[in-house]
Amino acid sequence: MSVTIDKFQAFAEFIKLYGCNIIVDKGKGFTTEIEEWTVQNDLSEVSVFITKETELNFSGNKMRVKYWDWLYGQVTNVVKEEITDIIIGDNSVEIMFDNSLLSLVFRVTD
């Protein structure tokens, strides 16, 4: 299954609209708030910091997890995952990955 440009842009619009009022559910009850986010003007790339050191970078059909070492000024690419589907809901977006055990749900906080 392939992620369409429309679905990715809808995800980018969701992040742009709700920003730091979003929590990320990593499954099994593990949630975290978004600390910072950026969305490219053309909606082609989304960066979400779930901690000051951990960035989720989305572009096209890929997500890269980057770790920022502020002390030494280094950025390490930790993981790269293929996105297989983006499911858009009223107050949430679910991202499905090639690794069937992994999904992320971005939800607007109450």
PDB file of N, CA and C in Angstrom:
ATOM      1  N   MET A   1       0.846  -1.178   0.000  1.00  0.00           N
ATOM      2  CA  MET A   1       0.000   0.000   0.000  1.00  0.00           C
ATOM      3  C   MET A   1       0.895   1.245   0.000  1.00  0.00           C
ATOM      4  N   SER A   2       0.471   2.244  -0.702  1.00  0.00           N
ATOM      5  CA  SER A   2       1.271   3.454  -0.843  1.00  0.00           C
ATOM      6  C   SER A   2       0.549   4.648  -0.216  1.00  0.00           C
ATOM      7  N   VAL A   3       1.324   5.544   0.352  1.00  0.00           N
ATOM      8  CA  VAL A   3       0.763   6.746   0.952  1.00  0.00           C
ATOM      9  C   VAL A   3       0.579   7.787  -0.144  1.00  0.00           C
ATOM     10  N   THR A   4      -0.622   8.317  -0.268  1.00  0.00           N
ATOM     11  CA  THR A   4      -0.879   9.326  -1.290  1.00  0.00           C
ATOM     12  C   THR A   4      -0.422  10.696  -0.796  1.00  0.00           C
ATOM     13  N   ILE A   5      -0.144  11.571  -1.734  1.00  0.00           N
ATOM     14  CA  ILE A   5       0.251  12.943  -1.395  1.00  0.00           C
ATOM     15  C   ILE A   5      -0.869  13.613  -0.607  1.00  0.00           C
ATOM     16  N   ASP A   6      -2.124  13.359  -0.992  1.00  0.00           N
ATOM     17  CA  ASP A   6      -3.268  13.961  -0.296  1.00  0.00           C
ATOM     18  C   ASP A   6      -3.303  13.561   1.178  1.00  0.00           C
ATOM     19  N   LYS A   7      -3.055  12.287   1.465  1.00  0.00           N
ATOM     20  CA  LYS A   7      -3.069  11.820   2.859  1.00  0.00           C
ATOM     21  C   LYS A   7      -1.931  12.458   3.645  1.00  0.00           C
ATOM     22  N   PHE A   8      -0.729  12.520   3.027  1.00  0.00           N
ATOM     23  CA  PHE A   8       0.397  13.122   3.721  1.00  0.00           C
ATOM     24  C   PHE A   8       0.123  14.596   3.989  1.00  0.00           C
ATOM     25  N   GLN A   9      -0.431  15.304   3.009  1.00  0.00           N
ATOM     26  CA  GLN A   9      -0.725  16.723   3.198  1.00  0.00           C
ATOM     27  C   GLN A   9      -1.815  16.933   4.240  1.00  0.00           C
ATOM     28  N   ALA A  10      -2.781  16.020   4.330  1.00  0.00           N
ATOM     29  CA  ALA A  10      -3.806  16.108   5.376  1.00  0.00           C
ATOM     30  C   ALA A  10      -3.169  15.931   6.756  1.00  0.00           C
ATOM     31  N   PHE A  11      -2.206  15.026   6.865  1.00  0.00           N
ATOM     32  CA  PHE A  11      -1.455  14.845   8.112  1.00  0.00           C
ATOM     33  C   PHE A  11      -0.693  16.125   8.458  1.00  0.00           C
ATOM     34  N   ALA A  12      -0.012  16.714   7.470  1.00  0.00           N
ATOM     35  CA  ALA A  12       0.740  17.952   7.691  1.00  0.00           C
ATOM     36  C   ALA A  12      -0.185  19.081   8.131  1.00  0.00           C
ATOM     37  N   GLU A  13      -1.346  19.190   7.508  1.00  0.00           N
ATOM     38  CA  GLU A  13      -2.330  20.216   7.892  1.00  0.00           C
ATOM     39  C   GLU A  13      -2.810  20.003   9.327  1.00  0.00           C
ATOM     40  N   PHE A  14      -3.015  18.746   9.717  1.00  0.00           N
ATOM     41  CA  PHE A  14      -3.444  18.402  11.071  1.00  0.00           C
ATOM     42  C   PHE A  14      -2.411  18.893  12.088  1.00  0.00           C
ATOM     43  N   ILE A  15      -1.124  18.608  11.829  1.00  0.00           N
ATOM     44  CA  ILE A  15      -0.057  19.056  12.728  1.00  0.00           C
ATOM     45  C   ILE A  15      -0.003  20.580  12.758  1.00  0.00           C
ATOM     46  N   LYS A  16      -0.112  21.200  11.601  1.00  0.00           N
ATOM     47  CA  LYS A  16      -0.059  22.661  11.500  1.00  0.00           C
ATOM     48  C   LYS A  16      -1.223  23.313  12.255  1.00  0.00           C
ATOM     49  N   LEU A  17      -2.399  22.722  12.165  1.00  0.00           N
ATOM     50  CA  LEU A  17      -3.601  23.274  12.795  1.00  0.00           C
ATOM     51  C   LEU A  17      -3.575  23.129  14.313  1.00  0.00           C
ATOM     52  N   TYR A  18      -3.191  21.951  14.818  1.00  0.00           N
ATOM     53  CA  TYR A  18      -3.300  21.685  16.255  1.00  0.00           C
ATOM     54  C   TYR A  18      -1.984  21.802  17.026  1.00  0.00           C
ATOM     55  N   GLY A  19      -0.848  21.704  16.331  1.00  0.00           N
ATOM     56  CA  GLY A  19       0.464  21.920  16.943  1.00  0.00           C
ATOM     57  C   GLY A  19       0.673  21.268  18.283  1.00  0.00           C
ATOM     58  N   CYS A  20       1.019  22.063  19.271  1.00  0.00           N
ATOM     59  CA  CYS A  20       1.363  21.533  20.593  1.00  0.00           C
ATOM     60  C   CYS A  20       0.154  21.096  21.406  1.00  0.00           C
ATOM     61  N   ASN A  21      -1.025  21.109  20.816  1.00  0.00           N
ATOM     62  CA  ASN A  21      -2.215  20.561  21.472  1.00  0.00           C
ATOM     63  C   ASN A  21      -2.428  19.104  21.075  1.00  0.00           C
ATOM     64  N   ILE A  22      -1.357  18.456  20.637  1.00  0.00           N
ATOM     65  CA  ILE A  22      -1.426  17.068  20.180  1.00  0.00           C
ATOM     66  C   ILE A  22      -0.606  16.192  21.118  1.00  0.00           C
ATOM     67  N   ILE A  23      -1.139  14.992  21.396  1.00  0.00           N
ATOM     68  CA  ILE A  23      -0.346  13.970  22.067  1.00  0.00           C
ATOM     69  C   ILE A  23      -0.078  12.856  21.065  1.00  0.00           C
ATOM     70  N   VAL A  24       1.036  12.180  21.236  1.00  0.00           N
ATOM     71  CA  VAL A  24       1.405  11.070  20.371  1.00  0.00           C
ATOM     72  C   VAL A  24       1.273   9.791  21.180  1.00  0.00           C
ATOM     73  N   ASP A  25       0.457   8.864  20.674  1.00  0.00           N
ATOM     74  CA  ASP A  25       0.260   7.566  21.316  1.00  0.00           C
ATOM     75  C   ASP A  25       1.110   6.549  20.570  1.00  0.00           C
ATOM     76  N   LYS A  26       2.068   5.970  21.289  1.00  0.00           N
ATOM     77  CA  LYS A  26       2.969   4.995  20.691  1.00  0.00           C
ATOM     78  C   LYS A  26       2.499   3.567  20.959  1.00  0.00           C
ATOM     79  N   GLY A  27       1.253   3.428  21.362  1.00  0.00           N
ATOM     80  CA  GLY A  27       0.713   2.098  21.636  1.00  0.00           C
ATOM     81  C   GLY A  27       0.935   1.684  23.069  1.00  0.00           C
ATOM     82  N   LYS A  28       0.135   0.758  23.529  1.00  0.00           N
ATOM     83  CA  LYS A  28       0.237   0.194  24.878  1.00  0.00           C
ATOM     84  C   LYS A  28       0.153   1.261  25.965  1.00  0.00           C
ATOM     85  N   GLY A  29      -0.559   2.345  25.684  1.00  0.00           N
ATOM     86  CA  GLY A  29      -0.777   3.365  26.703  1.00  0.00           C
ATOM     87  C   GLY A  29       0.351   4.354  26.882  1.00  0.00           C
ATOM     88  N   PHE A  30       1.366   4.313  26.032  1.00  0.00           N
ATOM     89  CA  PHE A  30       2.472   5.256  26.130  1.00  0.00           C
ATOM     90  C   PHE A  30       2.164   6.496  25.295  1.00  0.00           C
ATOM     91  N   THR A  31       1.930   7.610  25.956  1.00  0.00           N
ATOM     92  CA  THR A  31       1.646   8.849  25.236  1.00  0.00           C
ATOM     93  C   THR A  31       2.634   9.925  25.661  1.00  0.00           C
ATOM     94  N   THR A  32       2.866  10.868  24.770  1.00  0.00           N
ATOM     95  CA  THR A  32       3.731  11.996  25.067  1.00  0.00           C
ATOM     96  C   THR A  32       3.202  13.215  24.328  1.00  0.00           C
ATOM     97  N   GLU A  33       3.450  14.376  24.878  1.00  0.00           N
ATOM     98  CA  GLU A  33       3.011  15.615  24.248  1.00  0.00           C
ATOM     99  C   GLU A  33       4.055  16.066  23.239  1.00  0.00           C
ATOM    100  N   ILE A  34       3.610  16.784  22.221  1.00  0.00           N
ATOM    101  CA  ILE A  34       4.528  17.378  21.260  1.00  0.00           C
ATOM    102  C   ILE A  34       5.145  18.618  21.893  1.00  0.00           C
ATOM    103  N   GLU A  35       6.469  18.703  21.857  1.00  0.00           N
ATOM    104  CA  GLU A  35       7.182  19.857  22.429  1.00  0.00           C
ATOM    105  C   GLU A  35       7.312  20.990  21.421  1.00  0.00           C
ATOM    106  N   GLU A  36       7.558  20.622  20.165  1.00  0.00           N
ATOM    107  CA  GLU A  36       7.802  21.611  19.114  1.00  0.00           C
ATOM    108  C   GLU A  36       7.501  20.950  17.775  1.00  0.00           C
ATOM    109  N   TRP A  37       7.124  21.732  16.788  1.00  0.00           N
ATOM    110  CA  TRP A  37       6.818  21.176  15.477  1.00  0.00           C
ATOM    111  C   TRP A  37       7.089  22.199  14.376  1.00  0.00           C
ATOM    112  N   THR A  38       7.376  21.697  13.195  1.00  0.00           N
ATOM    113  CA  THR A  38       7.467  22.547  12.008  1.00  0.00           C
ATOM    114  C   THR A  38       6.843  21.800  10.847  1.00  0.00           C
ATOM    115  N   VAL A  39       6.207  22.555   9.971  1.00  0.00           N
ATOM    116  CA  VAL A  39       5.615  22.012   8.754  1.00  0.00           C
ATOM    117  C   VAL A  39       6.095  22.887   7.602  1.00  0.00           C
ATOM    118  N   GLN A  40       6.669  22.262   6.575  1.00  0.00           N
ATOM    119  CA  GLN A  40       7.105  23.024   5.406  1.00  0.00           C
ATOM    120  C   GLN A  40       5.899  23.687   4.747  1.00  0.00           C
ATOM    121  N   ASN A  41       6.101  24.863   4.173  1.00  0.00           N
ATOM    122  CA  ASN A  41       5.006  25.606   3.545  1.00  0.00           C
ATOM    123  C   ASN A  41       4.277  24.794   2.478  1.00  0.00           C
ATOM    124  N   ASP A  42       4.998  23.954   1.744  1.00  0.00           N
ATOM    125  CA  ASP A  42       4.357  23.152   0.692  1.00  0.00           C
ATOM    126  C   ASP A  42       3.808  21.823   1.222  1.00  0.00           C
ATOM    127  N   LEU A  43       3.816  21.645   2.549  1.00  0.00           N
ATOM    128  CA  LEU A  43       3.285  20.459   3.237  1.00  0.00           C
ATOM    129  C   LEU A  43       4.030  19.178   2.857  1.00  0.00           C
ATOM    130  N   SER A  44       5.299  19.289   2.418  1.00  0.00           N
ATOM    131  CA  SER A  44       6.050  18.116   1.983  1.00  0.00           C
ATOM    132  C   SER A  44       6.859  17.458   3.100  1.00  0.00           C
ATOM    133  N   GLU A  45       7.019  18.163   4.218  1.00  0.00           N
ATOM    134  CA  GLU A  45       7.820  17.626   5.321  1.00  0.00           C
ATOM    135  C   GLU A  45       7.275  18.128   6.652  1.00  0.00           C
ATOM    136  N   VAL A  46       7.267  17.233   7.637  1.00  0.00           N
ATOM    137  CA  VAL A  46       6.800  17.550   8.981  1.00  0.00           C
ATOM    138  C   VAL A  46       7.870  17.091   9.967  1.00  0.00           C
ATOM    139  N   SER A  47       8.234  17.966  10.893  1.00  0.00           N
ATOM    140  CA  SER A  47       9.141  17.598  11.979  1.00  0.00           C
ATOM    141  C   SER A  47       8.425  17.815  13.302  1.00  0.00           C
ATOM    142  N   VAL A  48       8.486  16.799  14.147  1.00  0.00           N
ATOM    143  CA  VAL A  48       7.822  16.843  15.445  1.00  0.00           C
ATOM    144  C   VAL A  48       8.835  16.434  16.501  1.00  0.00           C
ATOM    145  N   PHE A  49       9.055  17.302  17.483  1.00  0.00           N
ATOM    146  CA  PHE A  49       9.907  16.942  18.612  1.00  0.00           C
ATOM    147  C   PHE A  49       9.003  16.414  19.721  1.00  0.00           C
ATOM    148  N   ILE A  50       9.211  15.132  20.092  1.00  0.00           N
ATOM    149  CA  ILE A  50       8.430  14.571  21.195  1.00  0.00           C
ATOM    150  C   ILE A  50       9.181  14.720  22.516  1.00  0.00           C
ATOM    151  N   THR A  51      10.471  14.973  22.437  1.00  0.00           N
ATOM    152  CA  THR A  51      11.274  15.447  23.569  1.00  0.00           C
ATOM    153  C   THR A  51      12.219  16.478  22.967  1.00  0.00           C
ATOM    154  N   LYS A  52      12.971  17.160  23.806  1.00  0.00           N
ATOM    155  CA  LYS A  52      13.925  18.137  23.275  1.00  0.00           C
ATOM    156  C   LYS A  52      15.025  17.469  22.465  1.00  0.00           C
ATOM    157  N   GLU A  53      15.220  16.157  22.659  1.00  0.00           N
ATOM    158  CA  GLU A  53      16.280  15.418  21.979  1.00  0.00           C
ATOM    159  C   GLU A  53      15.786  14.519  20.861  1.00  0.00           C
ATOM    160  N   THR A  54      14.490  14.241  20.808  1.00  0.00           N
ATOM    161  CA  THR A  54      13.978  13.248  19.870  1.00  0.00           C
ATOM    162  C   THR A  54      13.034  13.877  18.850  1.00  0.00           C
ATOM    163  N   GLU A  55      13.442  13.801  17.584  1.00  0.00           N
ATOM    164  CA  GLU A  55      12.646  14.353  16.493  1.00  0.00           C
ATOM    165  C   GLU A  55      12.103  13.227  15.633  1.00  0.00           C
ATOM    166  N   LEU A  56      10.821  13.322  15.298  1.00  0.00           N
ATOM    167  CA  LEU A  56      10.214  12.457  14.302  1.00  0.00           C
ATOM    168  C   LEU A  56      10.100  13.305  13.040  1.00  0.00           C
ATOM    169  N   ASN A  57      10.796  12.909  11.978  1.00  0.00           N
ATOM    170  CA  ASN A  57      10.795  13.670  10.738  1.00  0.00           C
ATOM    171  C   ASN A  57      10.071  12.856   9.673  1.00  0.00           C
ATOM    172  N   PHE A  58       8.994  13.413   9.129  1.00  0.00           N
ATOM    173  CA  PHE A  58       8.166  12.739   8.137  1.00  0.00           C
ATOM    174  C   PHE A  58       8.314  13.432   6.791  1.00  0.00           C
ATOM    175  N   SER A  59       8.513  12.650   5.740  1.00  0.00           N
ATOM    176  CA  SER A  59       8.497  13.181   4.382  1.00  0.00           C
ATOM    177  C   SER A  59       8.107  12.048   3.442  1.00  0.00           C
ATOM    178  N   GLY A  60       7.169  12.339   2.562  1.00  0.00           N
ATOM    179  CA  GLY A  60       6.703  11.313   1.623  1.00  0.00           C
ATOM    180  C   GLY A  60       6.184  10.094   2.335  1.00  0.00           C
ATOM    181  N   ASN A  61       6.824   8.965   2.115  1.00  0.00           N
ATOM    182  CA  ASN A  61       6.378   7.723   2.758  1.00  0.00           C
ATOM    183  C   ASN A  61       7.401   7.206   3.771  1.00  0.00           C
ATOM    184  N   LYS A  62       8.177   8.136   4.364  1.00  0.00           N
ATOM    185  CA  LYS A  62       9.190   7.741   5.336  1.00  0.00           C
ATOM    186  C   LYS A  62       9.093   8.546   6.631  1.00  0.00           C
ATOM    187  N   MET A  63       9.477   7.903   7.723  1.00  0.00           N
ATOM    188  CA  MET A  63       9.655   8.587   8.995  1.00  0.00           C
ATOM    189  C   MET A  63      11.069   8.285   9.465  1.00  0.00           C
ATOM    190  N   ARG A  64      11.780   9.324   9.822  1.00  0.00           N
ATOM    191  CA  ARG A  64      13.108   9.162  10.409  1.00  0.00           C
ATOM    192  C   ARG A  64      13.042   9.627  11.857  1.00  0.00           C
ATOM    193  N   VAL A  65      13.607   8.844  12.749  1.00  0.00           N
ATOM    194  CA  VAL A  65      13.727   9.245  14.146  1.00  0.00           C
ATOM    195  C   VAL A  65      15.152   9.733  14.325  1.00  0.00           C
ATOM    196  N   LYS A  66      15.285  10.971  14.773  1.00  0.00           N
ATOM    197  CA  LYS A  66      16.606  11.570  14.960  1.00  0.00           C
ATOM    198  C   LYS A  66      16.806  11.900  16.435  1.00  0.00           C
ATOM    199  N   TYR A  67      18.017  11.671  16.897  1.00  0.00           N
ATOM    200  CA  TYR A  67      18.376  12.013  18.271  1.00  0.00           C
ATOM    201  C   TYR A  67      19.362  13.172  18.226  1.00  0.00           C
ATOM    202  N   TRP A  68      19.031  14.259  18.924  1.00  0.00           N
ATOM    203  CA  TRP A  68      19.863  15.465  18.959  1.00  0.00           C
ATOM    204  C   TRP A  68      20.659  15.477  20.257  1.00  0.00           C
ATOM    205  N   ASP A  69      21.966  15.482  20.141  1.00  0.00           N
ATOM    206  CA  ASP A  69      22.848  15.602  21.292  1.00  0.00           C
ATOM    207  C   ASP A  69      23.270  17.067  21.377  1.00  0.00           C
ATOM    208  N   TRP A  70      22.535  17.835  22.172  1.00  0.00           N
ATOM    209  CA  TRP A  70      22.769  19.284  22.240  1.00  0.00           C
ATOM    210  C   TRP A  70      24.140  19.611  22.823  1.00  0.00           C
ATOM    211  N   LEU A  71      24.637  18.767  23.726  1.00  0.00           N
ATOM    212  CA  LEU A  71      25.927  19.017  24.371  1.00  0.00           C
ATOM    213  C   LEU A  71      27.076  18.998  23.356  1.00  0.00           C
ATOM    214  N   TYR A  72      27.043  18.009  22.470  1.00  0.00           N
ATOM    215  CA  TYR A  72      28.125  17.867  21.491  1.00  0.00           C
ATOM    216  C   TYR A  72      27.727  18.346  20.091  1.00  0.00           C
ATOM    217  N   GLY A  73      26.485  18.797  19.933  1.00  0.00           N
ATOM    218  CA  GLY A  73      26.041  19.321  18.646  1.00  0.00           C
ATOM    219  C   GLY A  73      25.930  18.279  17.552  1.00  0.00           C
ATOM    220  N   GLN A  74      25.594  17.054  17.917  1.00  0.00           N
ATOM    221  CA  GLN A  74      25.483  15.981  16.931  1.00  0.00           C
ATOM    222  C   GLN A  74      24.039  15.546  16.759  1.00  0.00           C
ATOM    223  N   VAL A  75      23.710  15.137  15.539  1.00  0.00           N
ATOM    224  CA  VAL A  75      22.399  14.574  15.241  1.00  0.00           C
ATOM    225  C   VAL A  75      22.619  13.159  14.722  1.00  0.00           C
ATOM    226  N   THR A  76      21.927  12.206  15.315  1.00  0.00           N
ATOM    227  CA  THR A  76      22.058  10.813  14.909  1.00  0.00           C
ATOM    228  C   THR A  76      20.727  10.312  14.383  1.00  0.00           C
ATOM    229  N   ASN A  77      20.741   9.727  13.179  1.00  0.00           N
ATOM    230  CA  ASN A  77      19.544   9.064  12.659  1.00  0.00           C
ATOM    231  C   ASN A  77      19.445   7.705  13.334  1.00  0.00           C
ATOM    232  N   VAL A  78      18.409   7.530  14.145  1.00  0.00           N
ATOM    233  CA  VAL A  78      18.273   6.299  14.921  1.00  0.00           C
ATOM    234  C   VAL A  78      17.543   5.223  14.121  1.00  0.00           C
ATOM    235  N   VAL A  79      16.412   5.596  13.528  1.00  0.00           N
ATOM    236  CA  VAL A  79      15.552   4.632  12.845  1.00  0.00           C
ATOM    237  C   VAL A  79      14.979   5.286  11.594  1.00  0.00           C
ATOM    238  N   LYS A  80      14.786   4.478  10.559  1.00  0.00           N
ATOM    239  CA  LYS A  80      14.038   4.935   9.388  1.00  0.00           C
ATOM    240  C   LYS A  80      12.960   3.900   9.117  1.00  0.00           C
ATOM    241  N   GLU A  81      11.714   4.328   9.069  1.00  0.00           N
ATOM    242  CA  GLU A  81      10.583   3.423   8.848  1.00  0.00           C
ATOM    243  C   GLU A  81       9.816   3.843   7.598  1.00  0.00           C
ATOM    244  N   GLU A  82       9.320   2.860   6.861  1.00  0.00           N
ATOM    245  CA  GLU A  82       8.462   3.112   5.704  1.00  0.00           C
ATOM    246  C   GLU A  82       7.012   3.248   6.181  1.00  0.00           C
ATOM    247  N   ILE A  83       6.355   4.329   5.779  1.00  0.00           N
ATOM    248  CA  ILE A  83       4.944   4.539   6.102  1.00  0.00           C
ATOM    249  C   ILE A  83       4.111   3.795   5.065  1.00  0.00           C
ATOM    250  N   THR A  84       3.179   2.966   5.531  1.00  0.00           N
ATOM    251  CA  THR A  84       2.328   2.226   4.594  1.00  0.00           C
ATOM    252  C   THR A  84       0.953   2.842   4.444  1.00  0.00           C
ATOM    253  N   ASP A  85       0.482   3.561   5.472  1.00  0.00           N
ATOM    254  CA  ASP A  85      -0.836   4.181   5.372  1.00  0.00           C
ATOM    255  C   ASP A  85      -0.962   5.291   6.402  1.00  0.00           C
ATOM    256  N   ILE A  86      -1.786   6.264   6.077  1.00  0.00           N
ATOM    257  CA  ILE A  86      -2.132   7.346   6.993  1.00  0.00           C
ATOM    258  C   ILE A  86      -3.650   7.379   7.072  1.00  0.00           C
ATOM    259  N   ILE A  87      -4.174   7.193   8.275  1.00  0.00           N
ATOM    260  CA  ILE A  87      -5.624   7.146   8.479  1.00  0.00           C
ATOM    261  C   ILE A  87      -6.040   8.438   9.173  1.00  0.00           C
ATOM    262  N   ILE A  88      -6.868   9.221   8.497  1.00  0.00           N
ATOM    263  CA  ILE A  88      -7.285  10.531   8.983  1.00  0.00           C
ATOM    264  C   ILE A  88      -8.633  10.414   9.676  1.00  0.00           C
ATOM    265  N   GLY A  89      -8.698  10.846  10.945  1.00  0.00           N
ATOM    266  CA  GLY A  89      -9.955  10.889  11.684  1.00  0.00           C
ATOM    267  C   GLY A  89     -10.327  12.323  11.988  1.00  0.00           C
ATOM    268  N   ASP A  90     -11.414  12.538  12.718  1.00  0.00           N
ATOM    269  CA  ASP A  90     -11.844  13.891  13.063  1.00  0.00           C
ATOM    270  C   ASP A  90     -10.842  14.595  13.961  1.00  0.00           C
ATOM    271  N   ASN A  91     -10.376  13.912  15.012  1.00  0.00           N
ATOM    272  CA  ASN A  91      -9.443  14.510  15.966  1.00  0.00           C
ATOM    273  C   ASN A  91      -8.168  13.700  16.116  1.00  0.00           C
ATOM    274  N   SER A  92      -7.855  12.898  15.097  1.00  0.00           N
ATOM    275  CA  SER A  92      -6.650  12.077  15.183  1.00  0.00           C
ATOM    276  C   SER A  92      -6.149  11.709  13.793  1.00  0.00           C
ATOM    277  N   VAL A  93      -4.880  11.341  13.765  1.00  0.00           N
ATOM    278  CA  VAL A  93      -4.255  10.801  12.559  1.00  0.00           C
ATOM    279  C   VAL A  93      -3.442   9.604  13.002  1.00  0.00           C
ATOM    280  N   GLU A  94      -3.647   8.458  12.339  1.00  0.00           N
ATOM    281  CA  GLU A  94      -2.875   7.264  12.661  1.00  0.00           C
ATOM    282  C   GLU A  94      -1.928   6.978  11.505  1.00  0.00           C
ATOM    283  N   ILE A  95      -0.674   6.754  11.845  1.00  0.00           N
ATOM    284  CA  ILE A  95       0.349   6.446  10.853  1.00  0.00           C
ATOM    285  C   ILE A  95       0.715   4.968  11.018  1.00  0.00           C
ATOM    286  N   MET A  96       0.579   4.228   9.930  1.00  0.00           N
ATOM    287  CA  MET A  96       0.907   2.804   9.930  1.00  0.00           C
ATOM    288  C   MET A  96       2.243   2.621   9.216  1.00  0.00           C
ATOM    289  N   PHE A  97       3.033   1.669   9.703  1.00  0.00           N
ATOM    290  CA  PHE A  97       4.370   1.457   9.151  1.00  0.00           C
ATOM    291  C   PHE A  97       4.518   0.055   8.594  1.00  0.00           C
ATOM    292  N   ASP A  98       5.558  -0.115   7.778  1.00  0.00           N
ATOM    293  CA  ASP A  98       5.873  -1.396   7.169  1.00  0.00           C
ATOM    294  C   ASP A  98       6.048  -2.467   8.234  1.00  0.00           C
ATOM    295  N   ASN A  99       6.670  -2.088   9.349  1.00  0.00           N
ATOM    296  CA  ASN A  99       6.791  -2.968  10.500  1.00  0.00           C
ATOM    297  C   ASN A  99       5.404  -3.000  11.151  1.00  0.00           C
ATOM    298  N   SER A 100       4.656  -4.051  10.955  1.00  0.00           N
ATOM    299  CA  SER A 100       3.249  -4.100  11.366  1.00  0.00           C
ATOM    300  C   SER A 100       3.038  -3.928  12.868  1.00  0.00           C
ATOM    301  N   LEU A 101       4.094  -4.040  13.655  1.00  0.00           N
ATOM    302  CA  LEU A 101       3.960  -3.866  15.096  1.00  0.00           C
ATOM    303  C   LEU A 101       4.015  -2.398  15.508  1.00  0.00           C
ATOM    304  N   LEU A 102       4.315  -1.517  14.573  1.00  0.00           N
ATOM    305  CA  LEU A 102       4.504  -0.114  14.903  1.00  0.00           C
ATOM    306  C   LEU A 102       3.429   0.754  14.269  1.00  0.00           C
ATOM    307  N   SER A 103       2.816   1.594  15.092  1.00  0.00           N
ATOM    308  CA  SER A 103       1.923   2.641  14.592  1.00  0.00           C
ATOM    309  C   SER A 103       1.984   3.796  15.582  1.00  0.00           C
ATOM    310  N   LEU A 104       1.717   4.977  15.089  1.00  0.00           N
ATOM    311  CA  LEU A 104       1.652   6.169  15.929  1.00  0.00           C
ATOM    312  C   LEU A 104       0.302   6.827  15.707  1.00  0.00           C
ATOM    313  N   VAL A 105      -0.309   7.278  16.784  1.00  0.00           N
ATOM    314  CA  VAL A 105      -1.568   7.997  16.687  1.00  0.00           C
ATOM    315  C   VAL A 105      -1.345   9.404  17.240  1.00  0.00           C
ATOM    316  N   PHE A 106      -1.604  10.397  16.411  1.00  0.00           N
ATOM    317  CA  PHE A 106      -1.531  11.797  16.827  1.00  0.00           C
ATOM    318  C   PHE A 106      -2.948  12.228  17.154  1.00  0.00           C
ATOM    319  N   ARG A 107      -3.201  12.605  18.425  1.00  0.00           N
ATOM    320  CA  ARG A 107      -4.554  12.971  18.872  1.00  0.00           C
ATOM    321  C   ARG A 107      -4.554  14.362  19.474  1.00  0.00           C
ATOM    322  N   VAL A 108      -5.640  15.079  19.222  1.00  0.00           N
ATOM    323  CA  VAL A 108      -5.827  16.382  19.850  1.00  0.00           C
ATOM    324  C   VAL A 108      -6.157  16.136  21.315  1.00  0.00           C
ATOM    325  N   THR A 109      -5.480  16.888  22.214  1.00  0.00           N
ATOM    326  CA  THR A 109      -5.738  16.716  23.643  1.00  0.00           C
ATOM    327  C   THR A 109      -7.084  17.339  23.997  1.00  0.00           C
ATOM    328  N   ASP A 110      -7.652  16.840  25.046  1.00  0.00           N
ATOM    329  CA  ASP A 110      -8.971  17.342  25.498  1.00  0.00           C
ATOM    330  C   ASP A 110      -8.866  18.708  26.129  1.00  0.00           C
TER     331      ASP A 110
END
